[in-house]
Each structure stands twice: as C-alpha cells, then as structure tokens.
N, C-alpha and C. Protein backbone atom coordinates (compact mmCIF):
# COMPACT_ATOMS: atom_id res chain seq x y z
N GLN A 1 0.84 -1.18 0.00
CA GLN A 1 0.00 0.00 0.00
C GLN A 1 0.88 1.24 0.00
N VAL A 2 0.56 2.18 -0.86
CA VAL A 2 1.35 3.39 -0.99
C VAL A 2 0.91 4.41 0.05
N GLN A 3 1.88 5.01 0.68
CA GLN A 3 1.60 6.11 1.59
C GLN A 3 2.53 7.27 1.28
N LEU A 4 1.97 8.47 1.24
CA LEU A 4 2.74 9.68 1.06
C LEU A 4 2.47 10.60 2.24
N VAL A 5 3.52 11.13 2.82
CA VAL A 5 3.37 12.01 3.98
C VAL A 5 4.11 13.30 3.70
N GLU A 6 3.35 14.41 3.65
CA GLU A 6 3.95 15.73 3.47
C GLU A 6 4.23 16.35 4.83
N SER A 7 5.24 17.19 4.88
CA SER A 7 5.56 17.95 6.09
C SER A 7 6.29 19.22 5.69
N GLY A 8 6.49 20.10 6.65
CA GLY A 8 7.25 21.30 6.41
C GLY A 8 6.44 22.56 6.24
N GLY A 9 5.12 22.42 6.21
CA GLY A 9 4.29 23.60 6.10
C GLY A 9 4.34 24.45 7.36
N GLY A 10 3.75 25.63 7.26
CA GLY A 10 3.71 26.52 8.41
C GLY A 10 3.27 27.89 8.01
N SER A 11 3.47 28.84 8.91
CA SER A 11 3.10 30.23 8.68
C SER A 11 4.35 31.08 8.59
N VAL A 12 4.45 31.87 7.53
CA VAL A 12 5.59 32.76 7.34
C VAL A 12 5.10 34.10 6.82
N GLN A 13 5.95 35.10 6.92
CA GLN A 13 5.65 36.40 6.35
C GLN A 13 6.07 36.42 4.88
N ALA A 14 5.46 37.31 4.15
CA ALA A 14 5.82 37.46 2.74
C ALA A 14 7.33 37.70 2.62
N GLY A 15 7.91 37.05 1.62
CA GLY A 15 9.34 37.13 1.43
C GLY A 15 10.12 36.01 2.10
N GLY A 16 9.44 35.26 2.95
CA GLY A 16 10.09 34.17 3.67
C GLY A 16 10.20 32.91 2.85
N SER A 17 10.72 31.86 3.49
CA SER A 17 10.97 30.59 2.82
C SER A 17 10.46 29.43 3.65
N LEU A 18 10.09 28.36 2.96
CA LEU A 18 9.76 27.10 3.58
C LEU A 18 10.26 25.98 2.68
N ARG A 19 10.54 24.83 3.28
CA ARG A 19 10.87 23.65 2.49
C ARG A 19 9.91 22.53 2.86
N LEU A 20 9.15 22.11 1.88
CA LEU A 20 8.22 21.00 2.07
C LEU A 20 8.90 19.68 1.72
N SER A 21 8.51 18.63 2.43
CA SER A 21 9.01 17.29 2.15
C SER A 21 7.84 16.35 1.89
N CYS A 22 8.07 15.38 1.04
CA CYS A 22 7.08 14.35 0.75
C CYS A 22 7.80 13.01 0.80
N VAL A 23 7.46 12.20 1.79
CA VAL A 23 8.10 10.91 1.97
C VAL A 23 7.15 9.81 1.52
N ALA A 24 7.66 8.90 0.69
CA ALA A 24 6.84 7.82 0.14
C ALA A 24 7.26 6.48 0.72
N THR A 25 6.28 5.65 1.02
CA THR A 25 6.55 4.28 1.46
C THR A 25 5.63 3.33 0.71
N GLY A 26 6.04 2.08 0.63
CA GLY A 26 5.18 1.05 0.11
C GLY A 26 5.20 0.88 -1.40
N ARG A 27 6.09 1.54 -2.09
CA ARG A 27 6.13 1.41 -3.54
C ARG A 27 7.54 1.75 -4.00
N THR A 28 7.88 1.31 -5.20
CA THR A 28 9.18 1.65 -5.76
C THR A 28 9.18 3.14 -6.13
N PHE A 29 9.69 3.92 -5.24
CA PHE A 29 9.68 5.37 -5.40
C PHE A 29 10.63 5.80 -6.51
N LYS A 30 11.75 5.08 -6.62
CA LYS A 30 12.85 5.52 -7.47
C LYS A 30 12.49 5.59 -8.94
N SER A 31 11.43 4.90 -9.36
CA SER A 31 11.07 4.88 -10.78
C SER A 31 9.87 5.76 -11.09
N SER A 32 9.44 6.56 -10.13
CA SER A 32 8.19 7.31 -10.27
C SER A 32 8.40 8.81 -10.30
N GLY A 33 7.62 9.46 -11.18
CA GLY A 33 7.58 10.91 -11.16
C GLY A 33 6.71 11.39 -10.01
N VAL A 34 6.98 12.61 -9.55
CA VAL A 34 6.25 13.18 -8.43
C VAL A 34 5.87 14.62 -8.76
N ASP A 35 4.64 14.97 -8.43
CA ASP A 35 4.16 16.34 -8.60
C ASP A 35 3.87 16.95 -7.23
N TRP A 36 3.94 18.26 -7.19
CA TRP A 36 3.35 19.02 -6.09
C TRP A 36 2.16 19.80 -6.66
N PHE A 37 1.07 19.77 -5.92
CA PHE A 37 -0.12 20.56 -6.23
C PHE A 37 -0.45 21.41 -5.01
N ARG A 38 -1.33 22.37 -5.19
CA ARG A 38 -1.81 23.16 -4.06
C ARG A 38 -3.28 23.53 -4.28
N GLN A 39 -3.95 23.75 -3.16
CA GLN A 39 -5.35 24.13 -3.22
C GLN A 39 -5.63 25.21 -2.19
N ALA A 40 -5.99 26.37 -2.70
CA ALA A 40 -6.36 27.49 -1.83
C ALA A 40 -7.85 27.42 -1.53
N PRO A 41 -8.29 28.05 -0.44
CA PRO A 41 -9.71 28.02 -0.08
C PRO A 41 -10.59 28.53 -1.22
N GLY A 42 -11.60 27.75 -1.56
CA GLY A 42 -12.54 28.16 -2.58
C GLY A 42 -12.04 28.02 -4.01
N LYS A 43 -10.85 27.43 -4.18
CA LYS A 43 -10.28 27.30 -5.52
C LYS A 43 -10.00 25.84 -5.84
N ASP A 44 -9.85 25.57 -7.13
CA ASP A 44 -9.50 24.22 -7.56
C ASP A 44 -8.05 23.90 -7.21
N ARG A 45 -7.77 22.62 -7.10
CA ARG A 45 -6.39 22.19 -6.89
C ARG A 45 -5.62 22.49 -8.16
N GLU A 46 -4.41 23.04 -8.02
CA GLU A 46 -3.63 23.41 -9.19
C GLU A 46 -2.22 22.82 -9.12
N PHE A 47 -1.69 22.55 -10.29
CA PHE A 47 -0.33 22.04 -10.42
C PHE A 47 0.68 23.10 -10.01
N VAL A 48 1.74 22.66 -9.31
CA VAL A 48 2.80 23.57 -8.90
C VAL A 48 4.13 23.19 -9.55
N ALA A 49 4.53 21.92 -9.40
CA ALA A 49 5.84 21.51 -9.90
C ALA A 49 5.87 20.00 -10.10
N TYR A 50 6.79 19.58 -10.96
CA TYR A 50 6.95 18.15 -11.29
C TYR A 50 8.43 17.82 -11.35
N ILE A 51 8.74 16.57 -10.97
CA ILE A 51 10.10 16.06 -11.12
C ILE A 51 10.01 14.61 -11.59
N ASN A 52 10.85 14.25 -12.55
CA ASN A 52 10.80 12.88 -13.04
C ASN A 52 11.59 11.96 -12.12
N TRP A 53 11.68 10.67 -12.48
CA TRP A 53 12.22 9.67 -11.57
C TRP A 53 13.68 9.94 -11.20
N SER A 54 14.43 10.50 -12.13
CA SER A 54 15.86 10.68 -11.88
C SER A 54 16.18 12.07 -11.33
N GLY A 55 15.22 12.98 -11.42
CA GLY A 55 15.49 14.36 -11.06
C GLY A 55 16.03 15.18 -12.21
N GLY A 56 16.20 14.55 -13.36
CA GLY A 56 16.77 15.25 -14.51
C GLY A 56 15.80 16.12 -15.27
N VAL A 57 14.51 15.95 -15.01
CA VAL A 57 13.49 16.75 -15.67
C VAL A 57 12.59 17.37 -14.61
N THR A 58 12.43 18.67 -14.68
CA THR A 58 11.54 19.37 -13.77
C THR A 58 10.71 20.37 -14.56
N SER A 59 9.56 20.70 -14.01
CA SER A 59 8.73 21.75 -14.61
C SER A 59 7.96 22.45 -13.51
N TYR A 60 7.54 23.69 -13.81
CA TYR A 60 6.88 24.53 -12.81
C TYR A 60 5.74 25.31 -13.46
N THR A 61 4.74 25.60 -12.66
CA THR A 61 3.75 26.54 -13.13
C THR A 61 4.37 27.93 -13.16
N ASP A 62 3.89 28.78 -14.04
CA ASP A 62 4.52 30.09 -14.26
C ASP A 62 4.61 30.92 -12.99
N SER A 63 3.62 30.83 -12.14
CA SER A 63 3.56 31.71 -10.98
C SER A 63 4.63 31.42 -9.93
N VAL A 64 5.26 30.24 -10.00
CA VAL A 64 6.29 29.91 -9.01
C VAL A 64 7.68 29.78 -9.65
N GLN A 65 7.73 29.85 -10.97
CA GLN A 65 9.01 29.73 -11.67
C GLN A 65 10.01 30.75 -11.13
N GLY A 66 11.21 30.27 -10.80
CA GLY A 66 12.23 31.16 -10.28
C GLY A 66 12.19 31.37 -8.78
N ARG A 67 11.10 30.94 -8.14
CA ARG A 67 10.98 31.08 -6.68
C ARG A 67 10.99 29.72 -5.98
N PHE A 68 10.41 28.71 -6.63
CA PHE A 68 10.31 27.37 -6.05
C PHE A 68 11.28 26.44 -6.78
N THR A 69 11.81 25.47 -6.03
CA THR A 69 12.68 24.46 -6.61
C THR A 69 12.26 23.08 -6.11
N ILE A 70 12.00 22.18 -7.04
CA ILE A 70 11.66 20.80 -6.69
C ILE A 70 12.92 19.95 -6.84
N SER A 71 13.11 19.03 -5.91
CA SER A 71 14.25 18.13 -5.96
C SER A 71 13.87 16.82 -5.28
N ARG A 72 14.76 15.83 -5.40
CA ARG A 72 14.46 14.54 -4.78
C ARG A 72 15.72 13.86 -4.32
N ASP A 73 15.53 13.01 -3.33
CA ASP A 73 16.60 12.16 -2.81
C ASP A 73 16.06 10.74 -2.82
N ASN A 74 16.41 9.98 -3.83
CA ASN A 74 15.84 8.62 -3.96
C ASN A 74 16.32 7.69 -2.86
N ALA A 75 17.46 7.97 -2.29
CA ALA A 75 17.94 7.13 -1.17
C ALA A 75 17.05 7.29 0.06
N LYS A 76 16.36 8.42 0.15
CA LYS A 76 15.48 8.69 1.28
C LYS A 76 14.01 8.62 0.90
N ASN A 77 13.72 8.24 -0.34
CA ASN A 77 12.33 8.18 -0.81
C ASN A 77 11.60 9.51 -0.55
N THR A 78 12.28 10.59 -0.82
CA THR A 78 11.75 11.91 -0.46
C THR A 78 11.87 12.88 -1.62
N VAL A 79 10.82 13.66 -1.80
CA VAL A 79 10.83 14.78 -2.74
C VAL A 79 10.66 16.06 -1.92
N TYR A 80 11.37 17.10 -2.33
CA TYR A 80 11.33 18.37 -1.62
C TYR A 80 10.76 19.46 -2.53
N LEU A 81 10.19 20.46 -1.89
CA LEU A 81 9.80 21.68 -2.59
C LEU A 81 10.33 22.86 -1.78
N GLN A 82 11.41 23.43 -2.27
CA GLN A 82 11.98 24.63 -1.63
C GLN A 82 11.23 25.84 -2.15
N MET A 83 10.63 26.59 -1.25
CA MET A 83 9.82 27.75 -1.62
C MET A 83 10.44 29.00 -1.05
N ASN A 84 10.90 29.88 -1.92
CA ASN A 84 11.51 31.14 -1.52
C ASN A 84 10.65 32.32 -1.99
N SER A 85 10.92 33.48 -1.44
CA SER A 85 10.20 34.70 -1.82
C SER A 85 8.68 34.47 -1.81
N LEU A 86 8.22 33.88 -0.75
CA LEU A 86 6.80 33.53 -0.67
C LEU A 86 5.91 34.76 -0.68
N LYS A 87 4.74 34.59 -1.28
CA LYS A 87 3.76 35.65 -1.41
C LYS A 87 2.45 35.21 -0.76
N PRO A 88 1.62 36.15 -0.36
CA PRO A 88 0.32 35.76 0.23
C PRO A 88 -0.48 34.85 -0.68
N GLU A 89 -0.37 35.02 -1.97
CA GLU A 89 -1.12 34.18 -2.91
C GLU A 89 -0.59 32.76 -2.99
N ASP A 90 0.52 32.47 -2.32
CA ASP A 90 1.00 31.08 -2.23
C ASP A 90 0.30 30.32 -1.10
N THR A 91 -0.50 31.00 -0.33
CA THR A 91 -1.23 30.36 0.77
C THR A 91 -2.15 29.28 0.23
N ALA A 92 -2.00 28.06 0.73
CA ALA A 92 -2.77 26.92 0.25
C ALA A 92 -2.38 25.68 1.05
N VAL A 93 -3.14 24.62 0.84
CA VAL A 93 -2.71 23.29 1.28
C VAL A 93 -1.92 22.69 0.11
N TYR A 94 -0.73 22.21 0.42
CA TYR A 94 0.15 21.65 -0.60
C TYR A 94 0.12 20.12 -0.51
N TYR A 95 -0.03 19.49 -1.67
CA TYR A 95 -0.12 18.03 -1.75
C TYR A 95 0.95 17.50 -2.69
N CYS A 96 1.49 16.34 -2.39
CA CYS A 96 2.33 15.66 -3.36
C CYS A 96 1.55 14.49 -3.96
N ARG A 97 1.92 14.16 -5.18
CA ARG A 97 1.27 13.08 -5.92
C ARG A 97 2.34 12.22 -6.54
N LEU A 98 2.25 10.92 -6.35
CA LEU A 98 3.22 9.97 -6.86
C LEU A 98 2.65 9.23 -8.06
N ASP A 99 3.40 9.23 -9.14
CA ASP A 99 3.07 8.42 -10.31
C ASP A 99 1.66 8.71 -10.84
N ARG A 100 1.20 9.93 -10.67
CA ARG A 100 -0.10 10.39 -11.15
C ARG A 100 -1.26 9.62 -10.54
N ALA A 101 -1.03 9.00 -9.38
CA ALA A 101 -2.08 8.14 -8.85
C ALA A 101 -2.29 8.28 -7.34
N TYR A 102 -1.24 8.52 -6.60
CA TYR A 102 -1.31 8.46 -5.14
C TYR A 102 -1.06 9.84 -4.55
N TRP A 103 -1.92 10.20 -3.58
CA TRP A 103 -1.86 11.53 -2.97
C TRP A 103 -1.53 11.44 -1.49
N GLY A 104 -0.85 12.46 -1.01
CA GLY A 104 -0.68 12.61 0.42
C GLY A 104 -1.84 13.37 1.03
N GLN A 105 -1.75 13.62 2.34
CA GLN A 105 -2.84 14.27 3.06
C GLN A 105 -2.75 15.79 3.02
N GLY A 106 -1.63 16.31 2.61
CA GLY A 106 -1.46 17.75 2.48
C GLY A 106 -0.82 18.39 3.68
N THR A 107 -0.20 19.54 3.44
CA THR A 107 0.40 20.34 4.50
C THR A 107 0.06 21.80 4.23
N GLN A 108 -0.34 22.51 5.27
CA GLN A 108 -0.82 23.89 5.13
C GLN A 108 0.35 24.87 5.08
N VAL A 109 0.30 25.76 4.11
CA VAL A 109 1.24 26.87 4.01
C VAL A 109 0.44 28.17 4.06
N THR A 110 0.81 29.04 4.98
CA THR A 110 0.13 30.33 5.14
C THR A 110 1.17 31.43 5.08
N VAL A 111 0.96 32.36 4.16
CA VAL A 111 1.89 33.47 3.97
C VAL A 111 1.14 34.76 4.27
N SER A 112 1.63 35.51 5.23
CA SER A 112 0.97 36.76 5.61
C SER A 112 1.72 37.96 5.03
N SER A 113 0.96 39.01 4.76
CA SER A 113 1.56 40.20 4.16
C SER A 113 2.08 41.15 5.22
C-alpha cells in the first residue's frame, strides 16, 4: 500500500521561505515521477511543480518559476519543494502526488503580508 506524507508547512511572512518534504513508502519510489499541487480556499487544486524519476526533468507553473525548486533524494524516498520569496497568494494546502495516482494528506502553508 502506498503512503505519502507531506511535512514542512507553516506560517511565514511574505518574502520568507519554507521547504516542504514528501516521503513515500510502500512502492518503488525511485522509478516514479512526483508532482506538487496546491489548493487554496474556494479554488480548484492546481499544479505547482513536477520532477521525473531521476530528477533530470523538472517543470513549474509560471507563478512559481524562479521562486520554487523541486528536488528529490531517492535514497530517502523523499521529494522536496523549496519555496523562496513567498507571497500571500501562495497560501494553500500543498499536496504531493506519486506516479499520477497516489496523494498525500497535504500540509498547510500560510503566507501573511
């Protein structure tokens, strides 16, 4: 059974940084792509960033390009999302998704102005 656990969320002021982690268990993590999504109150869940199995391919939604960095450590079955220069509009619950099929429970990020 696949389990994904996100952590690292919290409350920061605009301009601050957070690093989210997504740890996977129960499946061959090393061969799977991973996405980060987010969902703000009253809005649809939206794509944030993607990383392929090796870490050699990444992509970002335009609104976070240049501020967020996705990376992975396959030895630790973990994907990270480094978020810098945070803005109030980044406030949302952040979710990771493994292999386009499995979701974590989410971690809350709140950015105050």
